[in-house]
Amino acid sequence: MIEHMKDRLGLAFFTFAAVVSALAAWEQPTILAWLAAVHNAILAALYARRKPATSYDQRGLYLGILAAVLPLAAPYPAEISMPALIIGLLGYGLVLWSLLALGRSFGIAPADRGLITQGPYRYIRHPMYLGELILRTALVVTSPQPLLAGALLVALVIIQIARALREERIIDTYSTYSSRVRYRLIPGVW
């Protein structure tokens, strides 16, 4: 019953985020604004169809909520330079590839919905987090409020690292996977 209620709340959040970001994109039509709207719509669709978890990290839920809400506070630039746009699109491409690989296993809280090892998960263990950080870095560079955007990015890095570590503890077969896929977030570094 509680899991069902959490699913409904998550679906409501991502649906709300999709509508709000679509309205924002309508008012300020930029590529990144429309990508945010499409991204949130994809998240709502995946959340609606996700697998039930066999195990779940309650404390990790709060980190997931922070990671989902924090980017909404970031000031988006009215215009973005071509290099920053390309970097942002590469980051978003990695996020989208990761979401497609996750499919019904997507969730914001660390939970065991099966270990995904295909797509970008063959190369690094947390590619969606890396994609989000690449995208956010591109936004910081062109933000009208770079200090605020930078502070939010630092907070997001800390949250995503904490989420990654919690996820790794909850999935039973993770140690075998981590021996095959060495790096968590940044190939050659960590």
Protein backbone atom coordinates (compact mmCIF):
# COMPACT_ATOMS: atom_id res chain seq x y z
CA MET A 1 0.00 0.00 0.00
CA ILE A 2 2.74 2.48 0.95
CA GLU A 3 4.80 1.52 -2.13
CA HIS A 4 1.72 2.12 -4.31
CA MET A 5 1.22 5.55 -2.71
CA LYS A 6 4.90 6.44 -3.31
CA ASP A 7 4.50 5.42 -6.95
CA ARG A 8 1.48 7.69 -7.32
CA LEU A 9 3.29 10.61 -5.66
CA GLY A 10 6.31 10.11 -7.92
CA LEU A 11 4.10 9.97 -10.99
CA ALA A 12 2.28 13.13 -9.85
CA PHE A 13 5.60 14.93 -9.29
CA PHE A 14 7.06 14.07 -12.70
CA THR A 15 3.77 14.84 -14.44
CA PHE A 16 3.66 18.21 -12.66
CA ALA A 17 7.31 18.85 -13.59
CA ALA A 18 6.54 17.99 -17.23
CA VAL A 19 3.61 20.42 -17.34
CA VAL A 20 5.52 23.22 -15.59
CA SER A 21 8.59 22.78 -17.80
CA ALA A 22 6.39 22.68 -20.93
CA LEU A 23 4.74 25.94 -19.87
CA ALA A 24 8.17 27.47 -19.21
CA ALA A 25 9.37 26.30 -22.62
CA TRP A 26 6.28 27.77 -24.24
CA GLU A 27 7.00 31.12 -22.59
CA GLN A 28 10.76 31.05 -23.23
CA PRO A 29 11.23 28.68 -26.17
CA THR A 30 14.82 27.45 -26.09
CA ILE A 31 16.19 24.06 -27.00
CA LEU A 32 17.14 23.32 -23.40
CA ALA A 33 13.74 24.39 -22.08
CA TRP A 34 11.98 22.04 -24.50
CA LEU A 35 14.43 19.26 -23.66
CA ALA A 36 13.57 19.71 -19.98
CA ALA A 37 9.87 19.36 -20.82
CA VAL A 38 10.45 16.23 -22.91
CA HIS A 39 12.77 14.82 -20.25
CA ASN A 40 10.17 15.25 -17.50
CA ALA A 41 7.48 13.69 -19.70
CA ILE A 42 9.75 10.66 -20.29
CA LEU A 43 10.37 10.39 -16.54
CA ALA A 44 6.62 10.47 -15.86
CA ALA A 45 6.03 7.73 -18.44
CA LEU A 46 8.81 5.54 -17.04
CA TYR A 47 7.65 6.12 -13.48
CA ALA A 48 4.12 5.06 -14.42
CA ARG A 49 5.37 1.71 -15.77
CA ARG A 50 8.23 0.87 -13.41
CA LYS A 51 8.85 -2.53 -11.86
CA PRO A 52 8.13 -3.10 -8.18
CA ALA A 53 11.23 -3.07 -6.01
CA THR A 54 12.42 -6.19 -4.22
CA SER A 55 14.33 -4.03 -1.71
CA TYR A 56 14.22 -0.32 -1.05
CA ASP A 57 16.36 2.32 0.72
CA GLN A 58 14.04 4.67 2.63
CA ARG A 59 16.76 7.21 3.47
CA GLY A 60 17.89 7.22 -0.13
CA LEU A 61 14.42 8.39 -1.10
CA TYR A 62 15.17 11.81 0.38
CA LEU A 63 18.35 12.07 -1.70
CA GLY A 64 16.35 11.13 -4.78
CA ILE A 65 13.74 13.78 -4.05
CA LEU A 66 16.46 16.40 -3.57
CA ALA A 67 18.11 15.37 -6.84
CA ALA A 68 14.77 15.66 -8.65
CA VAL A 69 13.76 19.01 -7.11
CA LEU A 70 17.12 20.81 -6.91
CA PRO A 71 17.48 21.41 -10.68
CA LEU A 72 14.10 23.17 -10.67
CA ALA A 73 15.70 25.96 -8.60
CA ALA A 74 18.50 26.55 -11.11
CA PRO A 75 18.23 29.72 -13.18
CA TYR A 76 18.10 28.84 -16.88
CA PRO A 77 19.86 31.12 -19.35
CA ALA A 78 17.76 32.98 -21.92
CA GLU A 79 20.44 32.23 -24.51
CA ILE A 80 23.20 29.68 -24.58
CA SER A 81 26.44 29.67 -26.54
CA MET A 82 26.96 26.99 -29.16
CA PRO A 83 29.77 25.20 -27.21
CA ALA A 84 27.67 25.13 -24.03
CA LEU A 85 24.65 23.93 -26.02
CA ILE A 86 26.68 21.09 -27.56
CA ILE A 87 28.02 20.07 -24.14
CA GLY A 88 24.51 20.26 -22.67
CA LEU A 89 23.08 18.16 -25.50
CA LEU A 90 25.83 15.55 -25.03
CA GLY A 91 24.96 15.38 -21.33
CA TYR A 92 21.27 15.09 -22.10
CA GLY A 93 22.00 12.42 -24.72
CA LEU A 94 23.74 10.36 -22.04
CA VAL A 95 20.78 10.87 -19.68
CA LEU A 96 18.32 9.77 -22.36
CA TRP A 97 20.43 6.74 -23.32
CA SER A 98 20.61 5.77 -19.64
CA LEU A 99 16.85 6.18 -19.18
CA LEU A 100 16.15 4.02 -22.22
CA ALA A 101 18.50 1.35 -20.85
CA LEU A 102 16.84 1.52 -17.42
CA GLY A 103 13.33 1.36 -18.84
CA ARG A 104 10.94 0.04 -16.20
CA SER A 105 13.76 -0.11 -13.62
CA PHE A 106 13.87 3.69 -13.30
CA GLY A 107 13.23 5.22 -9.89
CA ILE A 108 14.45 8.13 -7.80
CA ALA A 109 15.13 6.19 -4.60
CA PRO A 110 17.75 3.45 -4.38
CA ALA A 111 15.84 0.20 -4.88
CA ASP A 112 16.48 -3.21 -6.37
CA ARG A 113 14.44 -3.43 -9.56
CA GLY A 114 17.05 -5.61 -11.21
CA LEU A 115 20.59 -4.74 -12.22
CA ILE A 116 20.89 -3.05 -15.61
CA THR A 117 24.15 -3.78 -17.43
CA GLN A 118 23.37 -2.84 -21.02
CA GLY A 119 23.64 0.48 -22.84
CA PRO A 120 25.89 3.01 -21.10
CA TYR A 121 25.85 0.83 -17.97
CA ARG A 122 28.39 -1.40 -19.76
CA TYR A 123 30.96 1.40 -19.47
CA ILE A 124 30.25 3.21 -16.19
CA ARG A 125 28.02 2.33 -13.28
CA HIS A 126 26.06 5.58 -12.98
CA PRO A 127 25.88 7.10 -16.48
CA MET A 128 22.63 8.96 -15.90
CA TYR A 129 24.19 10.90 -13.02
CA LEU A 130 27.19 11.75 -15.20
CA GLY A 131 24.90 12.96 -17.98
CA GLU A 132 22.95 15.14 -15.55
CA LEU A 133 26.16 16.66 -14.21
CA ILE A 134 27.46 17.38 -17.75
CA LEU A 135 24.16 19.05 -18.65
CA ARG A 136 24.12 21.10 -15.42
CA THR A 137 27.74 22.18 -15.97
CA ALA A 138 26.79 23.57 -19.38
CA LEU A 139 23.95 25.50 -17.75
CA VAL A 140 26.21 26.90 -15.00
CA VAL A 141 28.61 28.33 -17.59
CA THR A 142 25.83 30.33 -19.26
CA SER A 143 23.60 30.98 -16.25
CA PRO A 144 22.42 34.52 -15.50
CA GLN A 145 23.25 33.70 -11.85
CA PRO A 146 26.43 31.59 -12.07
CA LEU A 147 27.10 31.57 -8.30
CA LEU A 148 23.65 30.17 -7.51
CA ALA A 149 23.81 27.72 -10.42
CA GLY A 150 27.33 26.68 -9.35
CA ALA A 151 26.25 26.13 -5.74
CA LEU A 152 23.32 24.01 -6.94
CA LEU A 153 25.70 22.01 -9.14
CA VAL A 154 28.05 21.34 -6.21
CA ALA A 155 25.07 20.24 -4.10
CA LEU A 156 23.89 17.99 -6.94
CA VAL A 157 27.34 16.38 -7.23
CA ILE A 158 27.33 15.57 -3.50
CA ILE A 159 23.77 14.20 -3.67
CA GLN A 160 24.49 12.06 -6.74
CA ILE A 161 27.62 10.58 -5.16
CA ALA A 162 25.64 9.72 -2.02
CA ARG A 163 22.86 8.18 -4.15
CA ALA A 164 25.37 6.13 -6.13
CA LEU A 165 26.95 4.72 -2.98
CA ARG A 166 23.54 3.84 -1.50
CA GLU A 167 22.40 2.16 -4.73
CA GLU A 168 25.51 0.02 -4.78
CA ARG A 169 24.72 -1.37 -1.33
CA ILE A 170 21.12 -2.34 -2.04
CA ILE A 171 21.47 -4.55 -5.12
CA ASP A 172 22.62 -8.09 -4.30
CA THR A 173 24.58 -8.76 -7.50
CA TYR A 174 26.31 -5.39 -7.51
CA SER A 175 29.74 -6.64 -6.40
CA THR A 176 30.01 -8.87 -9.48
CA TYR A 177 28.96 -5.97 -11.71
CA SER A 178 31.42 -3.56 -10.06
CA SER A 179 34.27 -5.99 -10.70
CA ARG A 180 33.42 -5.89 -14.44
CA VAL A 181 32.63 -2.16 -14.68
CA ARG A 182 35.34 -0.41 -12.74
CA TYR A 183 34.30 3.24 -12.74
CA ARG A 184 31.26 4.69 -11.02
CA LEU A 185 30.90 8.11 -12.58
CA ILE A 186 33.93 9.38 -14.48
CA PRO A 187 35.87 6.89 -16.62
CA GLY A 188 39.49 6.71 -15.54
CA VAL A 189 38.86 8.72 -12.34
CA TRP A 190 36.12 7.32 -10.06
